Amino acid sequence: MSKTVIHELKLRIWKQPAKKRPEYMSNLETAAQMEAGPEQDAAFSAIAKSLDRADALGVRRAKRKEAELKAAEDKMRQEMGF
């Protein structure tokens, strides 16, 4: 089971910004070296939760950026009289 979990986490890590990847990969390698059991499961779970938070933050940032762009476009249209 841990191989599939590790693979899924690696895929999620590679979707993160390059700046954060080494930290996540280091945590994943540390968790993978633990003995199989509840401690390793807890470590994988903690990494997954961290990635969930990072994904949610990325979505919020994208929505905020999109809203700022739309507001700027609306302002420009208003100024130009469209």
PDB file of N, CA and C in Angstrom:
ATOM      1  N   MET A   1       0.819  -1.190   0.000  1.00  0.00           N
ATOM      2  CA  MET A   1       0.000   0.000   0.000  1.00  0.00           C
ATOM      3  C   MET A   1       0.864   1.255   0.000  1.00  0.00           C
ATOM      4  N   SER A   2       1.963   1.236   0.685  1.00  0.00           N
ATOM      5  CA  SER A   2       2.747   2.460   0.808  1.00  0.00           C
ATOM      6  C   SER A   2       3.309   2.922  -0.536  1.00  0.00           C
ATOM      7  N   LYS A   3       3.559   1.983  -1.457  1.00  0.00           N
ATOM      8  CA  LYS A   3       4.078   2.393  -2.767  1.00  0.00           C
ATOM      9  C   LYS A   3       3.049   3.221  -3.526  1.00  0.00           C
ATOM     10  N   THR A   4       1.786   2.823  -3.466  1.00  0.00           N
ATOM     11  CA  THR A   4       0.758   3.608  -4.148  1.00  0.00           C
ATOM     12  C   THR A   4       0.562   4.957  -3.465  1.00  0.00           C
ATOM     13  N   VAL A   5       0.620   4.968  -2.142  1.00  0.00           N
ATOM     14  CA  VAL A   5       0.488   6.224  -1.401  1.00  0.00           C
ATOM     15  C   VAL A   5       1.643   7.153  -1.752  1.00  0.00           C
ATOM     16  N   ILE A   6       2.844   6.620  -1.774  1.00  0.00           N
ATOM     17  CA  ILE A   6       4.026   7.421  -2.109  1.00  0.00           C
ATOM     18  C   ILE A   6       3.898   7.973  -3.528  1.00  0.00           C
ATOM     19  N   HIS A   7       3.463   7.137  -4.457  1.00  0.00           N
ATOM     20  CA  HIS A   7       3.310   7.577  -5.850  1.00  0.00           C
ATOM     21  C   HIS A   7       2.277   8.706  -5.957  1.00  0.00           C
ATOM     22  N   GLU A   8       1.136   8.541  -5.291  1.00  0.00           N
ATOM     23  CA  GLU A   8       0.097   9.570  -5.327  1.00  0.00           C
ATOM     24  C   GLU A   8       0.597  10.877  -4.721  1.00  0.00           C
ATOM     25  N   LEU A   9       1.324  10.776  -3.610  1.00  0.00           N
ATOM     26  CA  LEU A   9       1.855  11.983  -2.981  1.00  0.00           C
ATOM     27  C   LEU A   9       2.893  12.659  -3.871  1.00  0.00           C
ATOM     28  N   LYS A  10       3.729  11.863  -4.543  1.00  0.00           N
ATOM     29  CA  LYS A  10       4.725  12.445  -5.452  1.00  0.00           C
ATOM     30  C   LYS A  10       4.049  13.210  -6.583  1.00  0.00           C
ATOM     31  N   LEU A  11       2.977  12.655  -7.118  1.00  0.00           N
ATOM     32  CA  LEU A  11       2.248  13.347  -8.184  1.00  0.00           C
ATOM     33  C   LEU A  11       1.689  14.676  -7.687  1.00  0.00           C
ATOM     34  N   ARG A  12       1.155  14.657  -6.474  1.00  0.00           N
ATOM     35  CA  ARG A  12       0.612  15.897  -5.907  1.00  0.00           C
ATOM     36  C   ARG A  12       1.718  16.900  -5.607  1.00  0.00           C
ATOM     37  N   ILE A  13       2.869  16.409  -5.175  1.00  0.00           N
ATOM     38  CA  ILE A  13       3.993  17.300  -4.866  1.00  0.00           C
ATOM     39  C   ILE A  13       4.472  17.999  -6.131  1.00  0.00           C
ATOM     40  N   TRP A  14       4.528  17.282  -7.257  1.00  0.00           N
ATOM     41  CA  TRP A  14       5.026  17.883  -8.494  1.00  0.00           C
ATOM     42  C   TRP A  14       4.088  18.939  -9.044  1.00  0.00           C
ATOM     43  N   LYS A  15       2.859  18.988  -8.545  1.00  0.00           N
ATOM     44  CA  LYS A  15       1.923  20.037  -8.955  1.00  0.00           C
ATOM     45  C   LYS A  15       2.111  21.314  -8.134  1.00  0.00           C
ATOM     46  N   GLN A  16       2.913  21.227  -7.089  1.00  0.00           N
ATOM     47  CA  GLN A  16       3.165  22.384  -6.227  1.00  0.00           C
ATOM     48  C   GLN A  16       4.237  23.280  -6.838  1.00  0.00           C
ATOM     49  N   PRO A  17       4.319  24.524  -6.364  1.00  0.00           N
ATOM     50  CA  PRO A  17       5.380  25.416  -6.860  1.00  0.00           C
ATOM     51  C   PRO A  17       6.767  24.833  -6.592  1.00  0.00           C
ATOM     52  N   ALA A  18       7.687  25.100  -7.498  1.00  0.00           N
ATOM     53  CA  ALA A  18       9.040  24.531  -7.412  1.00  0.00           C
ATOM     54  C   ALA A  18       9.735  24.888  -6.105  1.00  0.00           C
ATOM     55  N   LYS A  19       9.410  26.024  -5.549  1.00  0.00           N
ATOM     56  CA  LYS A  19      10.052  26.474  -4.316  1.00  0.00           C
ATOM     57  C   LYS A  19       9.741  25.545  -3.130  1.00  0.00           C
ATOM     58  N   LYS A  20       8.543  24.964  -3.109  1.00  0.00           N
ATOM     59  CA  LYS A  20       8.120  24.126  -1.990  1.00  0.00           C
ATOM     60  C   LYS A  20       8.398  22.635  -2.189  1.00  0.00           C
ATOM     61  N   ARG A  21       8.680  22.227  -3.416  1.00  0.00           N
ATOM     62  CA  ARG A  21       8.862  20.797  -3.698  1.00  0.00           C
ATOM     63  C   ARG A  21       9.944  20.129  -2.858  1.00  0.00           C
ATOM     64  N   PRO A  22      11.135  20.724  -2.709  1.00  0.00           N
ATOM     65  CA  PRO A  22      12.176  20.031  -1.931  1.00  0.00           C
ATOM     66  C   PRO A  22      11.744  19.730  -0.493  1.00  0.00           C
ATOM     67  N   GLU A  23      11.019  20.652   0.110  1.00  0.00           N
ATOM     68  CA  GLU A  23      10.542  20.437   1.480  1.00  0.00           C
ATOM     69  C   GLU A  23       9.578  19.255   1.539  1.00  0.00           C
ATOM     70  N   TYR A  24       8.622  19.226   0.618  1.00  0.00           N
ATOM     71  CA  TYR A  24       7.661  18.126   0.586  1.00  0.00           C
ATOM     72  C   TYR A  24       8.348  16.794   0.279  1.00  0.00           C
ATOM     73  N   MET A  25       9.284  16.798  -0.668  1.00  0.00           N
ATOM     74  CA  MET A  25       9.992  15.562  -1.019  1.00  0.00           C
ATOM     75  C   MET A  25      10.826  15.061   0.152  1.00  0.00           C
ATOM     76  N   SER A  26      11.451  15.969   0.881  1.00  0.00           N
ATOM     77  CA  SER A  26      12.234  15.582   2.051  1.00  0.00           C
ATOM     78  C   SER A  26      11.338  14.921   3.096  1.00  0.00           C
ATOM     79  N   ASN A  27      10.172  15.516   3.340  1.00  0.00           N
ATOM     80  CA  ASN A  27       9.227  14.936   4.293  1.00  0.00           C
ATOM     81  C   ASN A  27       8.749  13.565   3.824  1.00  0.00           C
ATOM     82  N   LEU A  28       8.524  13.432   2.527  1.00  0.00           N
ATOM     83  CA  LEU A  28       8.072  12.155   1.976  1.00  0.00           C
ATOM     84  C   LEU A  28       9.151  11.086   2.114  1.00  0.00           C
ATOM     85  N   GLU A  29      10.399  11.435   1.827  1.00  0.00           N
ATOM     86  CA  GLU A  29      11.499  10.476   1.965  1.00  0.00           C
ATOM     87  C   GLU A  29      11.667  10.038   3.415  1.00  0.00           C
ATOM     88  N   THR A  30      11.534  10.983   4.336  1.00  0.00           N
ATOM     89  CA  THR A  30      11.638  10.652   5.757  1.00  0.00           C
ATOM     90  C   THR A  30      10.530   9.686   6.156  1.00  0.00           C
ATOM     91  N   ALA A  31       9.315   9.961   5.709  1.00  0.00           N
ATOM     92  CA  ALA A  31       8.182   9.091   6.037  1.00  0.00           C
ATOM     93  C   ALA A  31       8.348   7.712   5.403  1.00  0.00           C
ATOM     94  N   ALA A  32       8.879   7.661   4.194  1.00  0.00           N
ATOM     95  CA  ALA A  32       9.051   6.382   3.501  1.00  0.00           C
ATOM     96  C   ALA A  32      10.090   5.504   4.190  1.00  0.00           C
ATOM     97  N   GLN A  33      11.057   6.115   4.867  1.00  0.00           N
ATOM     98  CA  GLN A  33      12.103   5.351   5.541  1.00  0.00           C
ATOM     99  C   GLN A  33      11.664   4.813   6.897  1.00  0.00           C
ATOM    100  N   MET A  34      10.526   5.281   7.396  1.00  0.00           N
ATOM    101  CA  MET A  34      10.017   4.776   8.675  1.00  0.00           C
ATOM    102  C   MET A  34       9.537   3.339   8.503  1.00  0.00           C
ATOM    103  N   GLU A  35       9.465   2.638   9.619  1.00  0.00           N
ATOM    104  CA  GLU A  35       8.902   1.288   9.584  1.00  0.00           C
ATOM    105  C   GLU A  35       7.411   1.392   9.311  1.00  0.00           C
ATOM    106  N   ALA A  36       6.904   0.430   8.542  1.00  0.00           N
ATOM    107  CA  ALA A  36       5.476   0.421   8.242  1.00  0.00           C
ATOM    108  C   ALA A  36       4.700   0.283   9.540  1.00  0.00           C
ATOM    109  N   GLY A  37       3.667   1.063   9.654  1.00  0.00           N
ATOM    110  CA  GLY A  37       2.853   1.026  10.853  1.00  0.00           C
ATOM    111  C   GLY A  37       2.128   2.345  11.053  1.00  0.00           C
ATOM    112  N   PRO A  38       1.593   2.532  12.250  1.00  0.00           N
ATOM    113  CA  PRO A  38       0.796   3.732  12.501  1.00  0.00           C
ATOM    114  C   PRO A  38       1.590   5.038  12.396  1.00  0.00           C
ATOM    115  N   GLU A  39       2.867   5.009  12.778  1.00  0.00           N
ATOM    116  CA  GLU A  39       3.672   6.229  12.692  1.00  0.00           C
ATOM    117  C   GLU A  39       3.872   6.642  11.238  1.00  0.00           C
ATOM    118  N   GLN A  40       4.152   5.668  10.382  1.00  0.00           N
ATOM    119  CA  GLN A  40       4.341   5.969   8.965  1.00  0.00           C
ATOM    120  C   GLN A  40       3.025   6.457   8.354  1.00  0.00           C
ATOM    121  N   ASP A  41       1.922   5.815   8.715  1.00  0.00           N
ATOM    122  CA  ASP A  41       0.619   6.246   8.206  1.00  0.00           C
ATOM    123  C   ASP A  41       0.315   7.677   8.632  1.00  0.00           C
ATOM    124  N   ALA A  42       0.645   8.005   9.881  1.00  0.00           N
ATOM    125  CA  ALA A  42       0.423   9.366  10.377  1.00  0.00           C
ATOM    126  C   ALA A  42       1.291  10.369   9.622  1.00  0.00           C
ATOM    127  N   ALA A  43       2.515   9.982   9.303  1.00  0.00           N
ATOM    128  CA  ALA A  43       3.411  10.873   8.556  1.00  0.00           C
ATOM    129  C   ALA A  43       2.874  11.112   7.147  1.00  0.00           C
ATOM    130  N   PHE A  44       2.423  10.056   6.475  1.00  0.00           N
ATOM    131  CA  PHE A  44       1.842  10.215   5.139  1.00  0.00           C
ATOM    132  C   PHE A  44       0.582  11.080   5.207  1.00  0.00           C
ATOM    133  N   SER A  45      -0.212  10.870   6.238  1.00  0.00           N
ATOM    134  CA  SER A  45      -1.432  11.653   6.412  1.00  0.00           C
ATOM    135  C   SER A  45      -1.110  13.131   6.622  1.00  0.00           C
ATOM    136  N   ALA A  46      -0.076  13.411   7.403  1.00  0.00           N
ATOM    137  CA  ALA A  46       0.327  14.802   7.643  1.00  0.00           C
ATOM    138  C   ALA A  46       0.789  15.466   6.345  1.00  0.00           C
ATOM    139  N   ILE A  47       1.519  14.731   5.528  1.00  0.00           N
ATOM    140  CA  ILE A  47       1.964  15.270   4.236  1.00  0.00           C
ATOM    141  C   ILE A  47       0.752  15.549   3.346  1.00  0.00           C
ATOM    142  N   ALA A  48      -0.195  14.628   3.318  1.00  0.00           N
ATOM    143  CA  ALA A  48      -1.397  14.807   2.497  1.00  0.00           C
ATOM    144  C   ALA A  48      -2.192  16.029   2.958  1.00  0.00           C
ATOM    145  N   LYS A  49      -2.309  16.217   4.274  1.00  0.00           N
ATOM    146  CA  LYS A  49      -3.026  17.388   4.794  1.00  0.00           C
ATOM    147  C   LYS A  49      -2.313  18.672   4.411  1.00  0.00           C
ATOM    148  N   SER A  50      -1.004  18.656   4.478  1.00  0.00           N
ATOM    149  CA  SER A  50      -0.217  19.822   4.092  1.00  0.00           C
ATOM    150  C   SER A  50      -0.433  20.154   2.616  1.00  0.00           C
ATOM    151  N   LEU A  51      -0.459  19.128   1.784  1.00  0.00           N
ATOM    152  CA  LEU A  51      -0.711  19.336   0.354  1.00  0.00           C
ATOM    153  C   LEU A  51      -2.138  19.828   0.108  1.00  0.00           C
ATOM    154  N   ASP A  52      -3.097  19.341   0.906  1.00  0.00           N
ATOM    155  CA  ASP A  52      -4.475  19.826   0.787  1.00  0.00           C
ATOM    156  C   ASP A  52      -4.542  21.322   1.067  1.00  0.00           C
ATOM    157  N   ARG A  53      -3.860  21.751   2.131  1.00  0.00           N
ATOM    158  CA  ARG A  53      -3.844  23.178   2.472  1.00  0.00           C
ATOM    159  C   ARG A  53      -3.191  23.990   1.361  1.00  0.00           C
ATOM    160  N   ALA A  54      -2.100  23.483   0.820  1.00  0.00           N
ATOM    161  CA  ALA A  54      -1.398  24.188  -0.258  1.00  0.00           C
ATOM    162  C   ALA A  54      -2.275  24.282  -1.507  1.00  0.00           C
ATOM    163  N   ASP A  55      -2.998  23.207  -1.817  1.00  0.00           N
ATOM    164  CA  ASP A  55      -3.900  23.229  -2.969  1.00  0.00           C
ATOM    165  C   ASP A  55      -5.013  24.256  -2.771  1.00  0.00           C
ATOM    166  N   ALA A  56      -5.591  24.279  -1.569  1.00  0.00           N
ATOM    167  CA  ALA A  56      -6.663  25.228  -1.278  1.00  0.00           C
ATOM    168  C   ALA A  56      -6.156  26.666  -1.381  1.00  0.00           C
ATOM    169  N   LEU A  57      -4.962  26.899  -0.887  1.00  0.00           N
ATOM    170  CA  LEU A  57      -4.376  28.233  -0.966  1.00  0.00           C
ATOM    171  C   LEU A  57      -4.137  28.628  -2.418  1.00  0.00           C
ATOM    172  N   GLY A  58      -3.671  27.698  -3.223  1.00  0.00           N
ATOM    173  CA  GLY A  58      -3.446  27.967  -4.640  1.00  0.00           C
ATOM    174  C   GLY A  58      -4.736  28.322  -5.361  1.00  0.00           C
ATOM    175  N   VAL A  59      -5.816  27.640  -5.021  1.00  0.00           N
ATOM    176  CA  VAL A  59      -7.117  27.922  -5.635  1.00  0.00           C
ATOM    177  C   VAL A  59      -7.586  29.318  -5.236  1.00  0.00           C
ATOM    178  N   ARG A  60      -7.435  29.648  -3.953  1.00  0.00           N
ATOM    179  CA  ARG A  60      -7.842  30.983  -3.496  1.00  0.00           C
ATOM    180  C   ARG A  60      -7.040  32.071  -4.189  1.00  0.00           C
ATOM    181  N   ARG A  61      -5.738  31.855  -4.335  1.00  0.00           N
ATOM    182  CA  ARG A  61      -4.894  32.846  -5.012  1.00  0.00           C
ATOM    183  C   ARG A  61      -5.314  33.025  -6.466  1.00  0.00           C
ATOM    184  N   ALA A  62      -5.613  31.922  -7.135  1.00  0.00           N
ATOM    185  CA  ALA A  62      -6.027  31.998  -8.538  1.00  0.00           C
ATOM    186  C   ALA A  62      -7.346  32.759  -8.671  1.00  0.00           C
ATOM    187  N   LYS A  63      -8.289  32.495  -7.773  1.00  0.00           N
ATOM    188  CA  LYS A  63      -9.572  33.195  -7.823  1.00  0.00           C
ATOM    189  C   LYS A  63      -9.389  34.686  -7.556  1.00  0.00           C
ATOM    190  N   ARG A  64      -8.534  35.015  -6.593  1.00  0.00           N
ATOM    191  CA  ARG A  64      -8.280  36.418  -6.277  1.00  0.00           C
ATOM    192  C   ARG A  64      -7.631  37.123  -7.468  1.00  0.00           C
ATOM    193  N   LYS A  65      -6.669  36.462  -8.096  1.00  0.00           N
ATOM    194  CA  LYS A  65      -5.990  37.047  -9.258  1.00  0.00           C
ATOM    195  C   LYS A  65      -6.985  37.261 -10.403  1.00  0.00           C
ATOM    196  N   GLU A  66      -7.863  36.295 -10.604  1.00  0.00           N
ATOM    197  CA  GLU A  66      -8.877  36.405 -11.648  1.00  0.00           C
ATOM    198  C   GLU A  66      -9.828  37.571 -11.360  1.00  0.00           C
ATOM    199  N   ALA A  67     -10.222  37.727 -10.099  1.00  0.00           N
ATOM    200  CA  ALA A  67     -11.111  38.825  -9.718  1.00  0.00           C
ATOM    201  C   ALA A  67     -10.420  40.175  -9.915  1.00  0.00           C
ATOM    202  N   GLU A  68      -9.134  40.261  -9.582  1.00  0.00           N
ATOM    203  CA  GLU A  68      -8.392  41.505  -9.781  1.00  0.00           C
ATOM    204  C   GLU A  68      -8.299  41.847 -11.266  1.00  0.00           C
ATOM    205  N   LEU A  69      -8.064  40.853 -12.087  1.00  0.00           N
ATOM    206  CA  LEU A  69      -7.981  41.068 -13.531  1.00  0.00           C
ATOM    207  C   LEU A  69      -9.318  41.542 -14.087  1.00  0.00           C
ATOM    208  N   LYS A  70     -10.400  40.917 -13.643  1.00  0.00           N
ATOM    209  CA  LYS A  70     -11.732  41.308 -14.102  1.00  0.00           C
ATOM    210  C   LYS A  70     -12.044  42.732 -13.667  1.00  0.00           C
ATOM    211  N   ALA A  71     -11.689  43.094 -12.439  1.00  0.00           N
ATOM    212  CA  ALA A  71     -11.927  44.454 -11.960  1.00  0.00           C
ATOM    213  C   ALA A  71     -11.139  45.465 -12.783  1.00  0.00           C
ATOM    214  N   ALA A  72      -9.905  45.142 -13.122  1.00  0.00           N
ATOM    215  CA  ALA A  72      -9.088  46.040 -13.940  1.00  0.00           C
ATOM    216  C   ALA A  72      -9.679  46.185 -15.340  1.00  0.00           C
ATOM    217  N   GLU A  73     -10.160  45.088 -15.909  1.00  0.00           N
ATOM    218  CA  GLU A  73     -10.794  45.150 -17.232  1.00  0.00           C
ATOM    219  C   GLU A  73     -12.059  45.996 -17.190  1.00  0.00           C
ATOM    220  N   ASP A  74     -12.873  45.804 -16.156  1.00  0.00           N
ATOM    221  CA  ASP A  74     -14.104  46.581 -16.019  1.00  0.00           C
ATOM    222  C   ASP A  74     -13.799  48.069 -15.869  1.00  0.00           C
ATOM    223  N   LYS A  75     -12.786  48.390 -15.087  1.00  0.00           N
ATOM    224  CA  LYS A  75     -12.394  49.787 -14.887  1.00  0.00           C
ATOM    225  C   LYS A  75     -11.930  50.397 -16.205  1.00  0.00           C
ATOM    226  N   MET A  76     -11.141  49.653 -16.965  1.00  0.00           N
ATOM    227  CA  MET A  76     -10.643  50.149 -18.241  1.00  0.00           C
ATOM    228  C   MET A  76     -11.799  50.363 -19.222  1.00  0.00           C
ATOM    229  N   ARG A  77     -12.749  49.439 -19.256  1.00  0.00           N
ATOM    230  CA  ARG A  77     -13.918  49.590 -20.132  1.00  0.00           C
ATOM    231  C   ARG A  77     -14.722  50.827 -19.747  1.00  0.00           C
ATOM    232  N   GLN A  78     -14.871  51.021 -18.443  1.00  0.00           N
ATOM    233  CA  GLN A  78     -15.632  52.163 -17.957  1.00  0.00           C
ATOM    234  C   GLN A  78     -14.948  53.470 -18.345  1.00  0.00           C
ATOM    235  N   GLU A  79     -13.628  53.507 -18.203  1.00  0.00           N
ATOM    236  CA  GLU A  79     -12.876  54.710 -18.546  1.00  0.00           C
ATOM    237  C   GLU A  79     -12.929  54.996 -20.044  1.00  0.00           C
ATOM    238  N   MET A  80     -12.984  53.947 -20.851  1.00  0.00           N
ATOM    239  CA  MET A  80     -13.001  54.119 -22.305  1.00  0.00           C
ATOM    240  C   MET A  80     -14.413  54.355 -22.832  1.00  0.00           C
ATOM    241  N   GLY A  81     -15.409  54.175 -21.983  1.00  0.00           N
ATOM    242  CA  GLY A  81     -16.788  54.440 -22.372  1.00  0.00           C
ATOM    243  C   GLY A  81     -17.490  53.285 -23.049  1.00  0.00           C
ATOM    244  N   PHE A  82     -17.044  52.067 -22.838  1.00  0.00           N
ATOM    245  CA  PHE A  82     -17.706  50.905 -23.441  1.00  0.00           C
ATOM    246  C   PHE A  82     -18.812  50.411 -22.573  1.00  0.00           C
TER     247      PHE A  82
END
